Each structure stands twice: as C-alpha cells, then as structure tokens.
Protein backbone atom coordinates (compact mmCIF):
# COMPACT_ATOMS: atom_id res chain seq x y z
CA ALA A 1 -212.86 60.39 16.96
CA ARG A 2 -215.03 63.48 16.50
CA HIS A 3 -218.20 61.36 16.21
CA ALA A 4 -217.48 58.70 18.84
CA PHE A 5 -220.53 59.79 20.86
CA GLY A 6 -222.50 61.46 18.06
CA ASN A 7 -225.14 60.52 15.56
CA PHE A 8 -224.43 57.66 13.14
CA ARG A 9 -226.19 59.49 10.29
CA THR A 10 -223.87 62.48 10.74
CA LEU A 11 -220.91 60.12 10.74
CA LEU A 12 -222.09 58.57 7.45
CA GLU A 13 -222.20 61.97 5.78
CA ASP A 14 -218.81 63.00 7.10
CA VAL A 15 -217.24 59.73 5.94
CA THR A 16 -218.91 60.08 2.54
CA LEU A 17 -217.61 63.63 2.06
CA SER A 18 -214.14 62.92 3.43
CA PRO A 19 -211.60 63.41 0.63
CA VAL A 20 -209.36 60.74 2.18
CA MET A 21 -212.20 58.22 1.99
CA GLY A 22 -213.07 59.59 -1.45
CA VAL A 23 -209.64 58.65 -2.72
CA TYR A 24 -209.55 55.34 -0.83
CA LEU A 25 -213.00 54.20 -1.99
CA SER A 26 -212.77 55.90 -5.42
CA HIS A 27 -215.77 58.21 -5.28
CA LEU A 28 -213.75 61.44 -5.35
CA ARG A 29 -214.03 62.83 -8.90
CA ASN A 30 -216.58 60.15 -9.78
CA ALA A 31 -218.31 61.63 -12.84
CA LYS A 32 -221.69 60.89 -14.33
CA ALA A 33 -221.94 58.59 -17.34
CA THR A 34 -221.06 59.92 -20.77
CA PHE A 35 -222.71 58.98 -24.06
CA ASN A 36 -221.72 59.29 -27.71
CA ALA A 37 -223.88 60.98 -30.38
CA GLN A 38 -225.76 57.71 -31.00
CA GLY A 39 -226.67 57.39 -27.31
CA VAL A 40 -224.22 54.59 -26.55
CA GLN A 41 -222.88 54.83 -23.03
CA LEU A 42 -219.11 55.36 -23.07
CA THR A 43 -218.33 55.71 -19.36
CA PHE A 44 -220.04 54.57 -16.18
CA PRO A 45 -220.03 56.00 -12.65
CA ASP A 46 -217.64 54.18 -10.31
CA GLU A 47 -219.67 51.73 -8.22
CA ASN A 48 -217.15 51.05 -5.47
CA TYR A 49 -218.41 53.47 -2.82
CA ALA A 50 -222.05 52.62 -3.52
CA ARG A 51 -221.21 48.98 -2.84
CA GLU A 52 -219.04 49.67 0.20
CA ILE A 53 -221.43 52.04 1.97
CA MET A 54 -224.16 49.42 1.75
CA GLN A 55 -222.10 46.28 2.32
CA LEU A 56 -219.75 47.51 5.04
CA PHE A 57 -221.10 50.73 6.55
CA THR A 58 -224.89 50.33 6.77
CA VAL A 59 -227.18 47.47 5.69
CA GLY A 60 -224.83 44.54 5.03
CA LEU A 61 -225.39 41.90 2.36
CA ASN A 62 -228.42 39.99 3.66
CA GLN A 63 -231.70 40.85 5.33
CA LEU A 64 -231.62 40.57 9.10
CA HIS A 65 -234.17 40.20 11.86
CA PRO A 66 -233.99 42.87 14.60
CA ASP A 67 -231.89 40.46 16.70
CA GLY A 68 -229.28 40.23 13.91
CA SER A 69 -230.17 36.72 12.76
CA LEU A 70 -230.58 36.09 9.03
CA VAL A 71 -233.94 36.28 7.29
CA LEU A 72 -234.20 33.16 5.11
CA ASP A 73 -236.28 32.43 2.02
CA LEU A 74 -238.43 29.30 1.61
CA SER A 75 -235.33 27.36 0.51
CA GLY A 76 -233.47 28.30 3.67
CA LEU A 77 -231.15 30.74 1.88
CA PRO A 78 -230.33 34.30 3.00
CA ILE A 79 -232.24 37.08 1.20
CA PRO A 80 -230.04 39.82 -0.29
CA VAL A 81 -230.76 43.39 0.81
CA TYR A 82 -229.88 44.84 -2.61
CA ASP A 83 -228.77 43.77 -6.06
CA GLN A 84 -226.39 44.94 -8.77
CA GLN A 85 -229.02 47.31 -10.18
CA THR A 86 -229.30 49.03 -6.79
CA ILE A 87 -225.51 49.44 -6.71
CA ALA A 88 -225.49 50.94 -10.22
CA GLU A 89 -228.30 53.37 -9.35
CA THR A 90 -226.71 54.35 -6.03
CA ALA A 91 -223.38 54.98 -7.76
CA LYS A 92 -225.11 57.82 -9.63
CA VAL A 93 -225.76 59.53 -6.27
CA PHE A 94 -222.02 59.70 -5.62
CA THR A 95 -221.17 61.47 -8.87
CA GLY A 96 -219.93 65.04 -9.04
CA TRP A 97 -218.04 65.18 -5.74
CA GLY A 98 -214.48 66.54 -5.85
CA PHE A 99 -211.91 68.36 -3.78
CA ALA A 100 -213.02 71.49 -1.96
CA SER A 101 -211.86 74.68 -3.62
CA THR A 102 -212.13 78.40 -2.95
CA ALA A 103 -211.41 79.26 -6.60
CA THR A 104 -213.95 81.43 -8.40
CA SER A 105 -214.36 78.81 -11.11
CA PRO A 106 -212.99 75.56 -9.65
CA SER A 107 -212.12 72.60 -11.85
CA PHE A 108 -213.57 69.17 -11.10
CA TYR A 109 -210.43 67.43 -12.34
CA GLY A 110 -207.94 70.24 -11.72
CA ALA A 111 -208.74 71.50 -8.22
CA ALA A 112 -205.80 71.23 -5.85
CA SER A 113 -205.84 68.25 -3.50
CA ASP A 114 -207.47 69.37 -0.25
CA TYR A 115 -207.55 66.51 2.23
CA LEU A 116 -208.67 68.65 5.18
CA ASN A 117 -212.02 70.02 3.99
CA PRO A 118 -215.08 68.01 2.96
CA MET A 119 -215.57 67.36 -0.72
CA ARG A 120 -217.74 69.78 -2.66
CA LEU A 121 -220.30 69.16 -5.36
CA TYR A 122 -219.49 70.02 -8.97
CA PRO A 123 -223.06 69.98 -10.40
CA THR A 124 -221.97 69.58 -14.04
CA TYR A 125 -220.52 66.14 -13.20
CA HIS A 126 -223.47 64.92 -11.10
CA ASP A 127 -226.08 62.61 -12.62
CA ASN A 128 -229.37 64.50 -12.27
CA GLY A 129 -231.58 61.69 -13.55
CA MET A 130 -234.07 59.77 -11.46
CA LYS A 131 -232.49 57.06 -9.31
CA THR A 132 -233.92 54.00 -7.59
CA ILE A 133 -231.94 53.27 -4.43
CA ILE A 134 -232.16 50.89 -1.47
CA GLY A 135 -235.61 49.56 -0.72
CA GLY A 136 -236.92 50.68 -4.12
CA ARG A 137 -236.99 54.32 -3.01
CA GLN A 138 -236.99 56.67 -5.99
CA LEU A 139 -235.06 59.92 -5.99
CA PRO A 140 -236.65 62.44 -8.36
CA ALA A 141 -234.73 63.86 -11.28
CA ASN A 142 -233.11 67.29 -11.01
CA GLN A 143 -233.18 67.61 -7.25
CA GLY A 144 -229.41 68.13 -7.20
CA GLY A 145 -226.46 66.24 -5.84
CA LEU A 146 -226.69 67.42 -2.25
CA GLN A 147 -230.33 66.36 -1.94
CA ASP A 148 -229.59 63.04 -3.67
CA LEU A 149 -226.81 62.46 -1.15
CA ARG A 150 -228.93 63.40 1.86
CA ASP A 151 -231.88 61.28 0.72
CA THR A 152 -229.65 58.26 0.10
CA LEU A 153 -227.86 58.53 3.43
CA ASP A 154 -231.21 58.97 5.19
CA ALA A 155 -232.59 55.86 3.45
CA LEU A 156 -229.53 53.82 4.45
CA PHE A 157 -229.58 55.16 8.01
CA GLN A 158 -233.31 54.42 8.42
CA HIS A 159 -233.20 50.99 6.75
CA PRO A 160 -234.31 48.25 9.18
CA ASN A 161 -231.07 46.32 8.55
CA THR A 162 -228.70 49.11 9.59
CA GLY A 163 -229.23 48.88 13.36
CA PRO A 164 -228.82 45.10 13.62
CA PHE A 165 -225.95 45.02 11.10
CA ILE A 166 -223.89 47.82 12.69
CA SER A 167 -224.62 46.57 16.23
CA ARG A 168 -223.42 43.09 15.31
CA GLN A 169 -220.24 44.53 13.74
CA LEU A 170 -219.52 46.59 16.86
CA ILE A 171 -220.11 43.63 19.16
CA GLN A 172 -217.88 41.35 17.06
CA ARG A 173 -215.04 43.85 17.03
CA LEU A 174 -215.29 45.44 20.46
CA VAL A 175 -216.49 42.64 22.73
CA THR A 176 -213.86 39.91 22.64
C-alpha cells in the first residue's frame, strides 16, 4: 500500500528486505556456501528468492518484445531470459540477510524475530565473490552485500523485459 503510486525499483528493494517475504520466499538467513578442507562444497545458497524475483516480480521466463509478445528463436520457440546458472549466481546476492537487530553483536541465526523492520546484512554470511547475474552483468568481488543487492535490483529493474512483463501482469489481473 505504501508504494502504490511510487517507484517500482523502490518497491523491489522493500519487498526483498521485508522479513515476512524473507521467511515466505526463504531468503531470510540464507547463508553463503560452505566448503570442507578439501574444497568440496557442503552447502549451497537457497535459490528460491533468486528464481522468484526474476520469474514473478521482474523479467518473467521468456524474452519479450516491448509490446509484451514473445521473442521466438529460429525454431519458433520462446527464448529464456535466464538459465539455472543465472539463478545460482543471483542466489549468492541474497546471502547474509537476517532479522534486524539493535544488539551490539547480533547473531545471524539467533537474532530475535523482527517482522516490522527491514532485514539487515550480516557480512560474515554474505558471499563476497564475483557474481554473474541477469544479462551477463558481472558484480565485482568484495563490493559487499548492500552493493550486490542494489546492483542486482537495478539490473532487474532496468532489464528490457521488466516493463512489458510487469505491465502484462497488471493488465491481466486488474483489467477484467
């Protein structure tokens, strides 16, 4: 309700940092990958929000023309906007976010549930490696979780598919 007449990019950030959405779409307390002493990956970042923000909230599944019609390949098939690798890389952006806390030394896993304030970044749990996100855009290593988040949301907001995709969704749901 607060963003009904506001900027869609601002809405994306507020939804992303909402602890209620964080629980619902499983990116709250999403930690970076862990590895054993031999370098074998033991855990992976949760990919759910990375998939949902692209599929449902911004670019959709397939490339679109500005009028919302599908872009087709030479075989007449829709062209995907992103692939599984893009989802896996984008999931790294959404690592390290947990409940807000005013504690001097807050705990990523132990902070009290605060559903009213936006999530905060716990840098130790954020993947600071280089990431390749939507459109092949590369996020440099060690720029921090907040900048990774802002760059990713900007890339999704500015993607040529976002306008046609979101407009079509609004028309389908509001004009019947």
